[in-house]
N, C-alpha and C. Protein backbone atom coordinates (compact mmCIF):
# COMPACT_ATOMS: atom_id res chain seq x y z
N UNK A 1 -2.76 4.68 -70.81
CA UNK A 1 -2.42 5.00 -72.17
C UNK A 1 -2.00 6.46 -72.23
N UNK A 2 -0.83 6.72 -72.86
CA UNK A 2 -0.40 8.10 -73.01
C UNK A 2 0.43 8.27 -74.29
N UNK A 3 0.56 9.54 -74.72
CA UNK A 3 1.31 9.88 -75.92
C UNK A 3 2.66 10.42 -75.50
N UNK A 4 3.71 9.93 -76.17
CA UNK A 4 5.06 10.39 -75.87
C UNK A 4 5.87 10.41 -77.17
N UNK A 5 7.03 11.03 -77.10
CA UNK A 5 7.95 11.03 -78.22
C UNK A 5 8.56 9.64 -78.34
N UNK A 6 8.82 9.22 -79.56
CA UNK A 6 9.44 7.92 -79.80
C UNK A 6 10.89 7.95 -79.34
N UNK A 7 11.39 6.77 -78.97
CA UNK A 7 12.78 6.60 -78.56
C UNK A 7 13.38 5.43 -79.35
N UNK A 8 14.69 5.31 -79.28
CA UNK A 8 15.39 4.29 -80.07
C UNK A 8 14.84 2.88 -79.87
N UNK A 9 14.47 2.54 -78.67
CA UNK A 9 13.96 1.18 -78.43
C UNK A 9 12.60 0.93 -79.08
N UNK A 10 11.97 1.98 -79.63
CA UNK A 10 10.69 1.84 -80.32
C UNK A 10 10.85 1.52 -81.81
N UNK A 11 12.04 1.69 -82.35
CA UNK A 11 12.24 1.65 -83.81
C UNK A 11 11.75 0.34 -84.42
N UNK A 12 12.09 -0.80 -83.86
CA UNK A 12 11.67 -2.07 -84.46
C UNK A 12 10.15 -2.19 -84.51
N UNK A 13 9.48 -1.81 -83.44
CA UNK A 13 8.02 -1.87 -83.41
C UNK A 13 7.42 -0.90 -84.42
N UNK A 14 7.96 0.31 -84.49
CA UNK A 14 7.48 1.30 -85.46
C UNK A 14 7.64 0.75 -86.87
N UNK A 15 8.82 0.25 -87.17
CA UNK A 15 9.08 -0.31 -88.50
C UNK A 15 8.11 -1.45 -88.83
N UNK A 16 7.91 -2.36 -87.89
CA UNK A 16 7.02 -3.50 -88.13
C UNK A 16 5.57 -3.08 -88.32
N UNK A 17 5.10 -2.10 -87.57
CA UNK A 17 3.73 -1.60 -87.74
C UNK A 17 3.55 -0.96 -89.11
N UNK A 18 4.50 -0.14 -89.51
CA UNK A 18 4.42 0.50 -90.83
C UNK A 18 4.44 -0.55 -91.93
N UNK A 19 5.33 -1.50 -91.83
CA UNK A 19 5.44 -2.55 -92.86
C UNK A 19 4.17 -3.40 -92.94
N UNK A 20 3.55 -3.66 -91.80
CA UNK A 20 2.30 -4.43 -91.79
C UNK A 20 1.27 -3.77 -92.71
N UNK A 21 1.07 -2.47 -92.52
CA UNK A 21 0.08 -1.75 -93.32
C UNK A 21 0.57 -1.46 -94.74
N UNK A 22 1.88 -1.30 -94.92
CA UNK A 22 2.42 -1.09 -96.27
C UNK A 22 2.18 -2.32 -97.13
N UNK A 23 2.34 -3.51 -96.55
CA UNK A 23 2.09 -4.75 -97.30
C UNK A 23 0.63 -4.88 -97.71
N UNK A 24 -0.25 -4.27 -96.95
CA UNK A 24 -1.68 -4.26 -97.29
C UNK A 24 -2.01 -3.14 -98.28
N UNK A 25 -1.03 -2.29 -98.60
CA UNK A 25 -1.25 -1.19 -99.52
C UNK A 25 -1.98 -0.01 -98.91
N UNK A 26 -1.96 0.08 -97.59
CA UNK A 26 -2.70 1.15 -96.91
C UNK A 26 -1.86 2.38 -96.61
N UNK A 27 -0.53 2.27 -96.73
CA UNK A 27 0.37 3.41 -96.63
C UNK A 27 1.68 3.03 -97.27
N UNK A 28 2.54 4.02 -97.46
CA UNK A 28 3.83 3.78 -98.08
C UNK A 28 4.81 3.19 -97.07
N UNK A 29 5.64 2.30 -97.56
CA UNK A 29 6.69 1.71 -96.75
C UNK A 29 7.72 2.77 -96.39
N UNK A 30 8.40 2.55 -95.28
CA UNK A 30 9.49 3.44 -94.87
C UNK A 30 10.70 2.60 -94.51
N UNK A 31 11.84 2.91 -95.09
CA UNK A 31 13.03 2.15 -94.69
C UNK A 31 13.39 2.44 -93.23
N UNK A 32 14.00 1.49 -92.61
CA UNK A 32 14.39 1.62 -91.20
C UNK A 32 15.25 2.87 -90.97
N UNK A 33 16.15 3.17 -91.93
CA UNK A 33 17.02 4.34 -91.78
C UNK A 33 16.19 5.63 -91.71
N UNK A 34 15.07 5.68 -92.41
CA UNK A 34 14.20 6.85 -92.36
C UNK A 34 13.59 7.02 -90.97
N UNK A 35 13.29 5.91 -90.33
CA UNK A 35 12.75 5.98 -88.97
C UNK A 35 13.81 6.51 -88.01
N UNK A 36 15.04 6.01 -88.15
CA UNK A 36 16.13 6.52 -87.31
C UNK A 36 16.34 8.02 -87.55
N UNK A 37 16.38 8.43 -88.82
CA UNK A 37 16.66 9.82 -89.15
C UNK A 37 15.55 10.78 -88.70
N UNK A 38 14.34 10.27 -88.59
CA UNK A 38 13.20 11.12 -88.23
C UNK A 38 12.62 10.79 -86.86
N UNK A 39 13.36 10.08 -86.05
CA UNK A 39 12.86 9.63 -84.76
C UNK A 39 12.36 10.79 -83.90
N UNK A 40 13.05 11.92 -83.95
CA UNK A 40 12.67 13.06 -83.12
C UNK A 40 11.32 13.65 -83.51
N UNK A 41 10.79 13.29 -84.68
CA UNK A 41 9.48 13.82 -85.11
C UNK A 41 8.36 12.80 -84.95
N UNK A 42 8.65 11.65 -84.37
CA UNK A 42 7.65 10.59 -84.21
C UNK A 42 7.06 10.57 -82.80
N UNK A 43 5.77 10.30 -82.76
CA UNK A 43 5.04 10.15 -81.49
C UNK A 43 4.47 8.75 -81.42
N UNK A 44 4.39 8.23 -80.22
CA UNK A 44 3.76 6.93 -80.01
C UNK A 44 2.70 7.03 -78.93
N UNK A 45 1.67 6.23 -79.09
CA UNK A 45 0.70 6.03 -78.03
C UNK A 45 1.08 4.70 -77.40
N UNK A 46 1.34 4.72 -76.10
CA UNK A 46 1.77 3.49 -75.44
C UNK A 46 0.93 3.23 -74.21
N UNK A 47 0.93 1.96 -73.87
CA UNK A 47 0.28 1.51 -72.64
C UNK A 47 1.22 0.48 -72.04
N UNK A 48 1.85 0.85 -70.95
CA UNK A 48 2.90 0.00 -70.40
C UNK A 48 4.04 -0.06 -71.41
N UNK A 49 4.48 -1.27 -71.74
CA UNK A 49 5.55 -1.46 -72.71
C UNK A 49 5.03 -1.62 -74.14
N UNK A 50 3.72 -1.59 -74.31
CA UNK A 50 3.13 -1.84 -75.62
C UNK A 50 2.88 -0.54 -76.38
N UNK A 51 3.30 -0.52 -77.64
CA UNK A 51 3.01 0.61 -78.52
C UNK A 51 1.72 0.32 -79.25
N UNK A 52 0.74 1.21 -79.08
CA UNK A 52 -0.57 1.03 -79.68
C UNK A 52 -0.70 1.73 -81.02
N UNK A 53 0.03 2.85 -81.20
CA UNK A 53 -0.08 3.64 -82.42
C UNK A 53 1.15 4.52 -82.56
N UNK A 54 1.41 4.93 -83.81
CA UNK A 54 2.52 5.85 -84.08
C UNK A 54 2.10 6.83 -85.18
N UNK A 55 2.76 7.97 -85.18
CA UNK A 55 2.60 8.95 -86.26
C UNK A 55 3.72 9.97 -86.15
N UNK A 56 4.02 10.60 -87.28
CA UNK A 56 5.07 11.61 -87.30
C UNK A 56 4.54 12.98 -87.66
N UNK A 57 5.21 13.99 -87.15
CA UNK A 57 4.96 15.38 -87.50
C UNK A 57 6.20 15.87 -88.22
N UNK A 58 6.08 16.04 -89.53
CA UNK A 58 7.23 16.40 -90.37
C UNK A 58 7.02 17.80 -90.93
N UNK A 59 7.90 18.73 -90.57
CA UNK A 59 7.78 20.11 -91.03
C UNK A 59 8.31 20.21 -92.46
N UNK A 60 7.49 20.80 -93.34
CA UNK A 60 7.85 20.95 -94.75
C UNK A 60 8.25 22.37 -95.11
N UNK A 61 7.67 23.35 -94.44
CA UNK A 61 7.89 24.75 -94.78
C UNK A 61 7.47 25.59 -93.58
N UNK A 62 7.55 26.90 -93.69
CA UNK A 62 7.24 27.74 -92.54
C UNK A 62 5.77 27.69 -92.13
N UNK A 63 4.89 27.33 -93.04
CA UNK A 63 3.46 27.29 -92.71
C UNK A 63 2.82 25.94 -92.99
N UNK A 64 3.64 24.92 -93.24
CA UNK A 64 3.12 23.61 -93.64
C UNK A 64 3.91 22.47 -93.02
N UNK A 65 3.18 21.53 -92.43
CA UNK A 65 3.79 20.30 -91.91
C UNK A 65 2.92 19.14 -92.39
N UNK A 66 3.45 17.96 -92.22
CA UNK A 66 2.73 16.76 -92.66
C UNK A 66 2.63 15.76 -91.51
N UNK A 67 1.47 15.14 -91.40
CA UNK A 67 1.33 14.00 -90.50
C UNK A 67 1.69 12.77 -91.34
N UNK A 68 2.66 12.00 -90.87
CA UNK A 68 3.19 10.87 -91.64
C UNK A 68 3.05 9.56 -90.88
N UNK A 69 2.92 8.51 -91.67
CA UNK A 69 3.00 7.14 -91.15
C UNK A 69 2.11 6.90 -89.94
N UNK A 70 0.89 7.37 -90.01
CA UNK A 70 -0.06 7.14 -88.92
C UNK A 70 -0.54 5.70 -88.99
N UNK A 71 -0.26 4.93 -87.95
CA UNK A 71 -0.73 3.55 -87.87
C UNK A 71 -1.15 3.23 -86.44
N UNK A 72 -2.15 2.40 -86.35
CA UNK A 72 -2.62 1.86 -85.07
C UNK A 72 -2.43 0.36 -85.15
N UNK A 73 -1.91 -0.25 -84.11
CA UNK A 73 -1.72 -1.69 -84.14
C UNK A 73 -3.06 -2.36 -84.43
N UNK A 74 -3.04 -3.43 -85.24
CA UNK A 74 -4.29 -4.08 -85.62
C UNK A 74 -5.15 -4.49 -84.43
N UNK A 75 -4.53 -4.85 -83.33
CA UNK A 75 -5.27 -5.28 -82.13
C UNK A 75 -6.04 -4.13 -81.48
N UNK A 76 -5.65 -2.90 -81.79
CA UNK A 76 -6.27 -1.73 -81.14
C UNK A 76 -7.00 -0.82 -82.11
N UNK A 77 -7.15 -1.26 -83.35
CA UNK A 77 -7.84 -0.45 -84.36
C UNK A 77 -9.31 -0.28 -83.99
N UNK A 78 -9.87 0.86 -84.34
CA UNK A 78 -11.29 1.12 -84.11
C UNK A 78 -11.65 1.55 -82.70
N UNK A 79 -10.65 1.88 -81.90
CA UNK A 79 -10.90 2.28 -80.51
C UNK A 79 -10.72 3.77 -80.27
N UNK A 80 -10.51 4.55 -81.36
CA UNK A 80 -10.33 5.99 -81.22
C UNK A 80 -8.90 6.41 -80.96
N UNK A 81 -7.97 5.48 -80.96
CA UNK A 81 -6.58 5.81 -80.66
C UNK A 81 -5.96 6.62 -81.79
N UNK A 82 -6.28 6.30 -83.03
CA UNK A 82 -5.76 7.05 -84.17
C UNK A 82 -6.20 8.51 -84.12
N UNK A 83 -7.47 8.74 -83.82
CA UNK A 83 -7.98 10.12 -83.74
C UNK A 83 -7.32 10.86 -82.58
N UNK A 84 -7.13 10.19 -81.46
CA UNK A 84 -6.44 10.78 -80.32
C UNK A 84 -5.04 11.25 -80.72
N UNK A 85 -4.34 10.43 -81.48
CA UNK A 85 -2.99 10.77 -81.91
C UNK A 85 -3.00 11.90 -82.94
N UNK A 86 -3.94 11.88 -83.86
CA UNK A 86 -4.06 12.97 -84.83
C UNK A 86 -4.33 14.28 -84.10
N UNK A 87 -5.25 14.27 -83.16
CA UNK A 87 -5.56 15.48 -82.40
C UNK A 87 -4.31 16.01 -81.69
N UNK A 88 -3.51 15.11 -81.15
CA UNK A 88 -2.28 15.51 -80.47
C UNK A 88 -1.31 16.16 -81.45
N UNK A 89 -1.15 15.58 -82.62
CA UNK A 89 -0.22 16.11 -83.61
C UNK A 89 -0.71 17.45 -84.16
N UNK A 90 -2.01 17.59 -84.36
CA UNK A 90 -2.56 18.89 -84.78
C UNK A 90 -2.25 19.94 -83.72
N UNK A 91 -2.41 19.59 -82.47
CA UNK A 91 -2.11 20.51 -81.37
C UNK A 91 -0.63 20.87 -81.35
N UNK A 92 0.24 19.90 -81.55
CA UNK A 92 1.68 20.16 -81.58
C UNK A 92 2.04 21.09 -82.73
N UNK A 93 1.42 20.87 -83.90
CA UNK A 93 1.67 21.75 -85.05
C UNK A 93 1.22 23.18 -84.73
N UNK A 94 0.08 23.31 -84.10
CA UNK A 94 -0.42 24.64 -83.72
C UNK A 94 0.55 25.33 -82.75
N UNK A 95 1.09 24.59 -81.79
CA UNK A 95 2.05 25.16 -80.84
C UNK A 95 3.30 25.67 -81.56
N UNK A 96 3.66 25.01 -82.66
CA UNK A 96 4.83 25.42 -83.44
C UNK A 96 4.49 26.55 -84.42
N UNK A 97 3.25 27.01 -84.37
CA UNK A 97 2.74 28.08 -85.24
C UNK A 97 2.73 27.67 -86.71
N UNK A 98 2.50 26.40 -86.95
CA UNK A 98 2.35 25.89 -88.31
C UNK A 98 0.87 26.00 -88.67
N UNK A 99 0.58 26.69 -89.75
CA UNK A 99 -0.80 26.99 -90.10
C UNK A 99 -1.58 25.81 -90.68
N UNK A 100 -0.90 24.97 -91.47
CA UNK A 100 -1.59 23.88 -92.15
C UNK A 100 -0.87 22.57 -91.89
N UNK A 101 -1.66 21.53 -91.68
CA UNK A 101 -1.14 20.19 -91.52
C UNK A 101 -1.68 19.35 -92.66
N UNK A 102 -0.79 18.72 -93.39
CA UNK A 102 -1.11 17.93 -94.58
C UNK A 102 -1.09 16.45 -94.26
N UNK A 103 -1.96 15.72 -94.93
CA UNK A 103 -1.89 14.27 -94.93
C UNK A 103 -2.05 13.80 -96.36
N UNK A 104 -1.12 12.99 -96.83
CA UNK A 104 -1.29 12.27 -98.10
C UNK A 104 -1.73 10.88 -97.69
N UNK A 105 -2.92 10.48 -98.07
CA UNK A 105 -3.52 9.31 -97.45
C UNK A 105 -4.40 8.50 -98.39
N UNK A 106 -4.59 7.25 -98.02
CA UNK A 106 -5.61 6.39 -98.62
C UNK A 106 -6.83 6.33 -97.70
N UNK A 107 -6.70 6.86 -96.49
CA UNK A 107 -7.74 6.77 -95.46
C UNK A 107 -8.54 8.07 -95.40
N UNK A 108 -9.18 8.41 -96.49
CA UNK A 108 -9.86 9.69 -96.64
C UNK A 108 -10.96 9.88 -95.60
N UNK A 109 -11.80 8.90 -95.41
CA UNK A 109 -12.92 9.05 -94.47
C UNK A 109 -12.44 9.27 -93.04
N UNK A 110 -11.39 8.57 -92.65
CA UNK A 110 -10.83 8.77 -91.31
C UNK A 110 -10.39 10.22 -91.13
N UNK A 111 -9.62 10.73 -92.08
CA UNK A 111 -9.12 12.10 -91.93
C UNK A 111 -10.24 13.13 -92.03
N UNK A 112 -11.29 12.84 -92.78
CA UNK A 112 -12.46 13.74 -92.78
C UNK A 112 -13.05 13.82 -91.38
N UNK A 113 -13.16 12.67 -90.71
CA UNK A 113 -13.70 12.66 -89.34
C UNK A 113 -12.80 13.42 -88.37
N UNK A 114 -11.51 13.56 -88.73
CA UNK A 114 -10.57 14.31 -87.90
C UNK A 114 -10.53 15.79 -88.26
N UNK A 115 -11.36 16.22 -89.22
CA UNK A 115 -11.44 17.64 -89.56
C UNK A 115 -10.64 18.06 -90.79
N UNK A 116 -10.02 17.13 -91.48
CA UNK A 116 -9.24 17.45 -92.68
C UNK A 116 -10.18 17.57 -93.88
N UNK A 117 -9.76 18.36 -94.86
CA UNK A 117 -10.50 18.50 -96.11
C UNK A 117 -9.57 18.17 -97.28
N UNK A 118 -10.15 17.70 -98.35
CA UNK A 118 -9.39 17.33 -99.54
C UNK A 118 -8.93 18.59 -100.27
N UNK A 119 -7.67 18.56 -100.71
CA UNK A 119 -7.10 19.64 -101.51
C UNK A 119 -6.37 19.05 -102.71
N UNK A 120 -6.11 19.87 -103.69
CA UNK A 120 -5.35 19.47 -104.86
C UNK A 120 -3.87 19.39 -104.49
N UNK A 121 -3.21 18.30 -104.84
CA UNK A 121 -1.79 18.15 -104.51
C UNK A 121 -0.94 19.27 -105.08
N UNK A 122 -1.36 19.81 -106.19
CA UNK A 122 -0.58 20.87 -106.83
C UNK A 122 -0.54 22.15 -105.99
N UNK A 123 -1.42 22.25 -104.98
CA UNK A 123 -1.38 23.42 -104.09
C UNK A 123 -0.34 23.24 -102.99
N UNK A 124 0.39 22.13 -103.02
CA UNK A 124 1.40 21.82 -102.00
C UNK A 124 2.77 21.61 -102.66
N UNK A 125 3.29 22.61 -103.39
CA UNK A 125 4.57 22.38 -104.08
C UNK A 125 5.73 22.08 -103.14
N UNK A 126 5.66 22.56 -101.90
CA UNK A 126 6.72 22.26 -100.94
C UNK A 126 6.84 20.75 -100.72
N UNK A 127 5.73 20.07 -100.64
CA UNK A 127 5.72 18.63 -100.46
C UNK A 127 6.18 17.92 -101.72
N UNK A 128 5.62 18.33 -102.85
CA UNK A 128 5.93 17.67 -104.12
C UNK A 128 7.42 17.72 -104.41
N UNK A 129 8.02 18.90 -104.28
CA UNK A 129 9.42 19.03 -104.65
C UNK A 129 10.38 18.57 -103.56
N UNK A 130 9.92 18.45 -102.34
CA UNK A 130 10.80 17.97 -101.27
C UNK A 130 10.80 16.45 -101.18
N UNK A 131 9.62 15.85 -101.20
CA UNK A 131 9.50 14.41 -100.96
C UNK A 131 8.97 13.63 -102.15
N UNK A 132 7.90 14.10 -102.74
CA UNK A 132 7.21 13.32 -103.78
C UNK A 132 8.10 13.05 -104.98
N UNK A 133 8.95 13.97 -105.31
CA UNK A 133 9.81 13.84 -106.47
C UNK A 133 10.68 12.58 -106.39
N UNK A 134 10.97 12.11 -105.16
CA UNK A 134 11.80 10.92 -104.95
C UNK A 134 10.99 9.65 -104.72
N UNK A 135 9.68 9.75 -104.75
CA UNK A 135 8.81 8.60 -104.48
C UNK A 135 8.65 7.74 -105.73
N UNK A 136 8.57 6.44 -105.53
CA UNK A 136 8.39 5.52 -106.65
C UNK A 136 7.06 5.71 -107.37
N UNK A 137 6.11 6.35 -106.72
CA UNK A 137 4.79 6.58 -107.34
C UNK A 137 4.72 7.91 -108.10
N UNK A 138 5.78 8.71 -108.03
CA UNK A 138 5.77 10.00 -108.72
C UNK A 138 5.93 9.77 -110.22
N UNK A 139 5.19 10.42 -111.08
CA UNK A 139 4.18 11.45 -110.86
C UNK A 139 2.76 10.91 -110.81
N UNK A 140 2.60 9.60 -110.63
CA UNK A 140 1.28 8.98 -110.65
C UNK A 140 0.80 8.60 -109.25
N UNK A 141 0.88 9.53 -108.34
CA UNK A 141 0.48 9.30 -106.95
C UNK A 141 -1.02 9.03 -106.87
N UNK A 142 -1.37 7.98 -106.13
CA UNK A 142 -2.79 7.65 -105.96
C UNK A 142 -3.29 7.98 -104.56
N UNK A 143 -2.49 8.70 -103.77
CA UNK A 143 -2.93 9.14 -102.46
C UNK A 143 -3.74 10.43 -102.59
N UNK A 144 -4.58 10.68 -101.61
CA UNK A 144 -5.38 11.90 -101.57
C UNK A 144 -4.73 12.89 -100.63
N UNK A 145 -4.59 14.14 -101.08
CA UNK A 145 -4.04 15.20 -100.24
C UNK A 145 -5.16 15.82 -99.43
N UNK A 146 -4.93 15.97 -98.13
CA UNK A 146 -5.92 16.55 -97.23
C UNK A 146 -5.19 17.48 -96.27
N UNK A 147 -5.87 18.56 -95.87
CA UNK A 147 -5.26 19.47 -94.91
C UNK A 147 -6.25 19.84 -93.82
N UNK A 148 -5.68 20.31 -92.73
CA UNK A 148 -6.45 20.93 -91.66
C UNK A 148 -5.72 22.21 -91.30
N UNK A 149 -6.47 23.25 -91.07
CA UNK A 149 -5.89 24.53 -90.65
C UNK A 149 -5.80 24.54 -89.13
N UNK A 150 -4.62 24.64 -88.60
CA UNK A 150 -4.44 24.52 -87.14
C UNK A 150 -4.94 25.75 -86.40
N UNK A 151 -5.08 26.87 -87.09
CA UNK A 151 -5.58 28.08 -86.41
C UNK A 151 -7.06 27.91 -86.04
N UNK A 152 -7.74 26.95 -86.67
CA UNK A 152 -9.15 26.70 -86.38
C UNK A 152 -9.32 25.79 -85.17
N UNK A 153 -8.23 25.33 -84.63
CA UNK A 153 -8.30 24.35 -83.54
C UNK A 153 -8.30 25.05 -82.20
């Protein structure tokens, strides 16, 4: 099992994993074109030809990035793979000298275990005006904003 950057041949699997959890209401859906456009910011955990988990590192501003679309395949949930991937993305953000990593999530307890703390969404105007303004849930977002400071890692 290892973590690598996503490639074009991963797109269908990434899309299907995201849609699986989006249908359950556990994260927001992403159109396939968004996956293509952001492929360079996506990481996968793979074992052989199988993708076990995916997540994206999306830079929002000079000191803020977001972990997006974190999913673990249902067959591999609960094995620590999600935390492994979060730790990797936090490390990548730190290497890029990004001070804070944001997650807008329904999985609050998971992100707490990963070291994130809850913050008020209004403290993240870069996110709100860049992405949230175009979301179907705006201005009634029911996700929880959480951050981790990468300098503490």
